[in-house]
Amino acid sequence: MKNIILLKNLNEEEQCKVLERALSETRVDFEINFAKKCVIVEGNSDMVAIARKVVSDNGFMII
């Protein structure tokens, strides 16, 4: 199942790279869409919770 995490302050490509590095250190299957300012997570609610924590820990605001 795909879940979308919308981000408020994803404004630069460099931020995407930082977030991608952080998420790649987890077992989460994800895709970052810079144009739509979101992270698409493939998996169950546990994977979404992990992704949300990583996103928050890296200073991004979830809408």
N, C-alpha and C. Protein backbone atom coordinates (compact mmCIF):
# COMPACT_ATOMS: atom_id res chain seq x y z
N MET A 1 0.83 -1.16 0.00
CA MET A 1 0.00 0.00 0.00
C MET A 1 0.89 1.24 0.00
N LYS A 2 0.53 2.22 -0.81
CA LYS A 2 1.29 3.47 -0.88
C LYS A 2 0.68 4.49 0.06
N ASN A 3 1.55 5.20 0.75
CA ASN A 3 1.15 6.27 1.66
C ASN A 3 1.94 7.51 1.31
N ILE A 4 1.29 8.65 1.37
CA ILE A 4 1.93 9.91 1.01
C ILE A 4 2.10 10.77 2.25
N ILE A 5 3.33 11.24 2.45
CA ILE A 5 3.63 12.15 3.55
C ILE A 5 3.93 13.51 2.91
N LEU A 6 3.05 14.48 3.13
CA LEU A 6 3.23 15.81 2.58
C LEU A 6 4.13 16.63 3.48
N LEU A 7 5.07 17.35 2.86
CA LEU A 7 6.04 18.14 3.62
C LEU A 7 5.83 19.62 3.35
N LYS A 8 5.94 20.41 4.41
CA LYS A 8 5.72 21.85 4.27
C LYS A 8 6.96 22.59 3.80
N ASN A 9 8.14 22.19 4.27
CA ASN A 9 9.34 22.99 4.01
C ASN A 9 10.41 22.25 3.21
N LEU A 10 10.00 21.53 2.19
CA LEU A 10 10.95 20.89 1.27
C LEU A 10 11.12 21.84 0.09
N ASN A 11 12.13 22.72 0.18
CA ASN A 11 12.24 23.81 -0.78
C ASN A 11 13.44 23.74 -1.71
N GLU A 12 14.40 22.89 -1.42
CA GLU A 12 15.62 22.86 -2.23
C GLU A 12 16.00 21.42 -2.56
N GLU A 13 16.68 21.26 -3.70
CA GLU A 13 17.14 19.93 -4.11
C GLU A 13 18.09 19.33 -3.08
N GLU A 14 18.91 20.17 -2.46
CA GLU A 14 19.85 19.69 -1.45
C GLU A 14 19.12 19.06 -0.27
N GLN A 15 17.97 19.62 0.09
CA GLN A 15 17.16 19.05 1.16
C GLN A 15 16.66 17.66 0.78
N CYS A 16 16.34 17.48 -0.49
CA CYS A 16 15.91 16.15 -0.97
C CYS A 16 17.03 15.14 -0.78
N LYS A 17 18.25 15.55 -1.07
CA LYS A 17 19.40 14.64 -0.93
C LYS A 17 19.63 14.27 0.53
N VAL A 18 19.50 15.23 1.42
CA VAL A 18 19.66 14.97 2.86
C VAL A 18 18.59 13.98 3.32
N LEU A 19 17.36 14.23 2.92
CA LEU A 19 16.26 13.35 3.31
C LEU A 19 16.41 11.97 2.70
N GLU A 20 16.84 11.92 1.45
CA GLU A 20 17.05 10.63 0.79
C GLU A 20 18.12 9.81 1.50
N ARG A 21 19.23 10.46 1.88
CA ARG A 21 20.28 9.74 2.61
C ARG A 21 19.75 9.19 3.93
N ALA A 22 18.99 10.00 4.65
CA ALA A 22 18.47 9.58 5.95
C ALA A 22 17.49 8.41 5.80
N LEU A 23 16.61 8.50 4.83
CA LEU A 23 15.63 7.42 4.63
C LEU A 23 16.27 6.15 4.09
N SER A 24 17.34 6.29 3.33
CA SER A 24 17.99 5.12 2.76
C SER A 24 18.69 4.29 3.83
N GLU A 25 18.93 4.87 5.00
CA GLU A 25 19.53 4.14 6.11
C GLU A 25 18.52 3.28 6.86
N THR A 26 17.25 3.39 6.48
CA THR A 26 16.19 2.57 7.08
C THR A 26 15.81 1.48 6.09
N ARG A 27 14.86 0.66 6.48
CA ARG A 27 14.40 -0.39 5.56
C ARG A 27 13.13 0.03 4.82
N VAL A 28 12.83 1.32 4.84
CA VAL A 28 11.63 1.85 4.21
C VAL A 28 11.82 1.93 2.69
N ASP A 29 10.81 1.48 1.95
CA ASP A 29 10.77 1.60 0.50
C ASP A 29 10.08 2.93 0.21
N PHE A 30 10.81 3.91 -0.34
CA PHE A 30 10.28 5.26 -0.48
C PHE A 30 10.66 5.89 -1.81
N GLU A 31 9.97 6.98 -2.11
CA GLU A 31 10.27 7.82 -3.27
C GLU A 31 10.00 9.26 -2.83
N ILE A 32 10.90 10.16 -3.17
CA ILE A 32 10.71 11.57 -2.84
C ILE A 32 10.30 12.30 -4.11
N ASN A 33 9.19 13.03 -4.04
CA ASN A 33 8.71 13.83 -5.16
C ASN A 33 8.89 15.30 -4.79
N PHE A 34 9.97 15.90 -5.31
CA PHE A 34 10.30 17.29 -4.98
C PHE A 34 9.23 18.25 -5.50
N ALA A 35 8.72 18.01 -6.69
CA ALA A 35 7.74 18.91 -7.29
C ALA A 35 6.47 18.99 -6.46
N LYS A 36 6.06 17.87 -5.90
CA LYS A 36 4.83 17.84 -5.09
C LYS A 36 5.10 17.94 -3.60
N LYS A 37 6.39 18.07 -3.24
CA LYS A 37 6.81 18.21 -1.84
C LYS A 37 6.24 17.09 -0.97
N CYS A 38 6.55 15.85 -1.37
CA CYS A 38 6.05 14.72 -0.60
C CYS A 38 7.01 13.54 -0.66
N VAL A 39 6.82 12.64 0.30
CA VAL A 39 7.52 11.37 0.32
C VAL A 39 6.46 10.29 0.17
N ILE A 40 6.66 9.40 -0.78
CA ILE A 40 5.73 8.30 -1.01
C ILE A 40 6.36 7.05 -0.41
N VAL A 41 5.64 6.45 0.53
CA VAL A 41 6.14 5.28 1.24
C VAL A 41 5.33 4.07 0.83
N GLU A 42 6.03 3.01 0.45
CA GLU A 42 5.39 1.74 0.10
C GLU A 42 5.51 0.82 1.31
N GLY A 43 4.37 0.40 1.84
CA GLY A 43 4.42 -0.52 2.97
C GLY A 43 3.30 -0.30 3.97
N ASN A 44 3.45 -0.97 5.10
CA ASN A 44 2.41 -0.91 6.13
C ASN A 44 2.60 0.30 7.03
N SER A 45 1.77 0.39 8.06
CA SER A 45 1.80 1.55 8.95
C SER A 45 3.12 1.66 9.72
N ASP A 46 3.80 0.53 9.97
CA ASP A 46 5.09 0.59 10.64
C ASP A 46 6.12 1.32 9.78
N MET A 47 6.12 1.05 8.49
CA MET A 47 7.04 1.72 7.57
C MET A 47 6.75 3.21 7.50
N VAL A 48 5.47 3.55 7.49
CA VAL A 48 5.07 4.96 7.46
C VAL A 48 5.51 5.66 8.74
N ALA A 49 5.36 5.00 9.88
CA ALA A 49 5.78 5.58 11.16
C ALA A 49 7.28 5.83 11.18
N ILE A 50 8.06 4.88 10.67
CA ILE A 50 9.52 5.05 10.60
C ILE A 50 9.86 6.23 9.71
N ALA A 51 9.22 6.30 8.54
CA ALA A 51 9.49 7.39 7.61
C ALA A 51 9.13 8.74 8.22
N ARG A 52 7.98 8.81 8.88
CA ARG A 52 7.55 10.06 9.52
C ARG A 52 8.56 10.50 10.59
N LYS A 53 9.07 9.55 11.35
CA LYS A 53 10.05 9.88 12.39
C LYS A 53 11.34 10.43 11.77
N VAL A 54 11.82 9.77 10.71
CA VAL A 54 13.05 10.23 10.04
C VAL A 54 12.83 11.62 9.45
N VAL A 55 11.68 11.83 8.83
CA VAL A 55 11.37 13.13 8.25
C VAL A 55 11.38 14.21 9.33
N SER A 56 10.71 13.94 10.43
CA SER A 56 10.65 14.91 11.53
C SER A 56 12.02 15.14 12.15
N ASP A 57 12.77 14.06 12.36
CA ASP A 57 14.09 14.18 12.97
C ASP A 57 15.06 14.99 12.12
N ASN A 58 14.79 15.09 10.83
CA ASN A 58 15.65 15.85 9.93
C ASN A 58 15.15 17.27 9.70
N GLY A 59 14.18 17.69 10.50
CA GLY A 59 13.75 19.09 10.48
C GLY A 59 12.66 19.45 9.49
N PHE A 60 12.02 18.47 8.91
CA PHE A 60 10.95 18.75 7.95
C PHE A 60 9.61 18.71 8.66
N MET A 61 8.71 19.62 8.26
CA MET A 61 7.39 19.68 8.85
C MET A 61 6.41 18.88 8.01
N ILE A 62 5.68 18.01 8.67
CA ILE A 62 4.68 17.19 7.98
C ILE A 62 3.35 17.91 8.04
N ILE A 63 2.69 17.99 6.89
CA ILE A 63 1.37 18.65 6.82
C ILE A 63 0.32 17.65 7.23
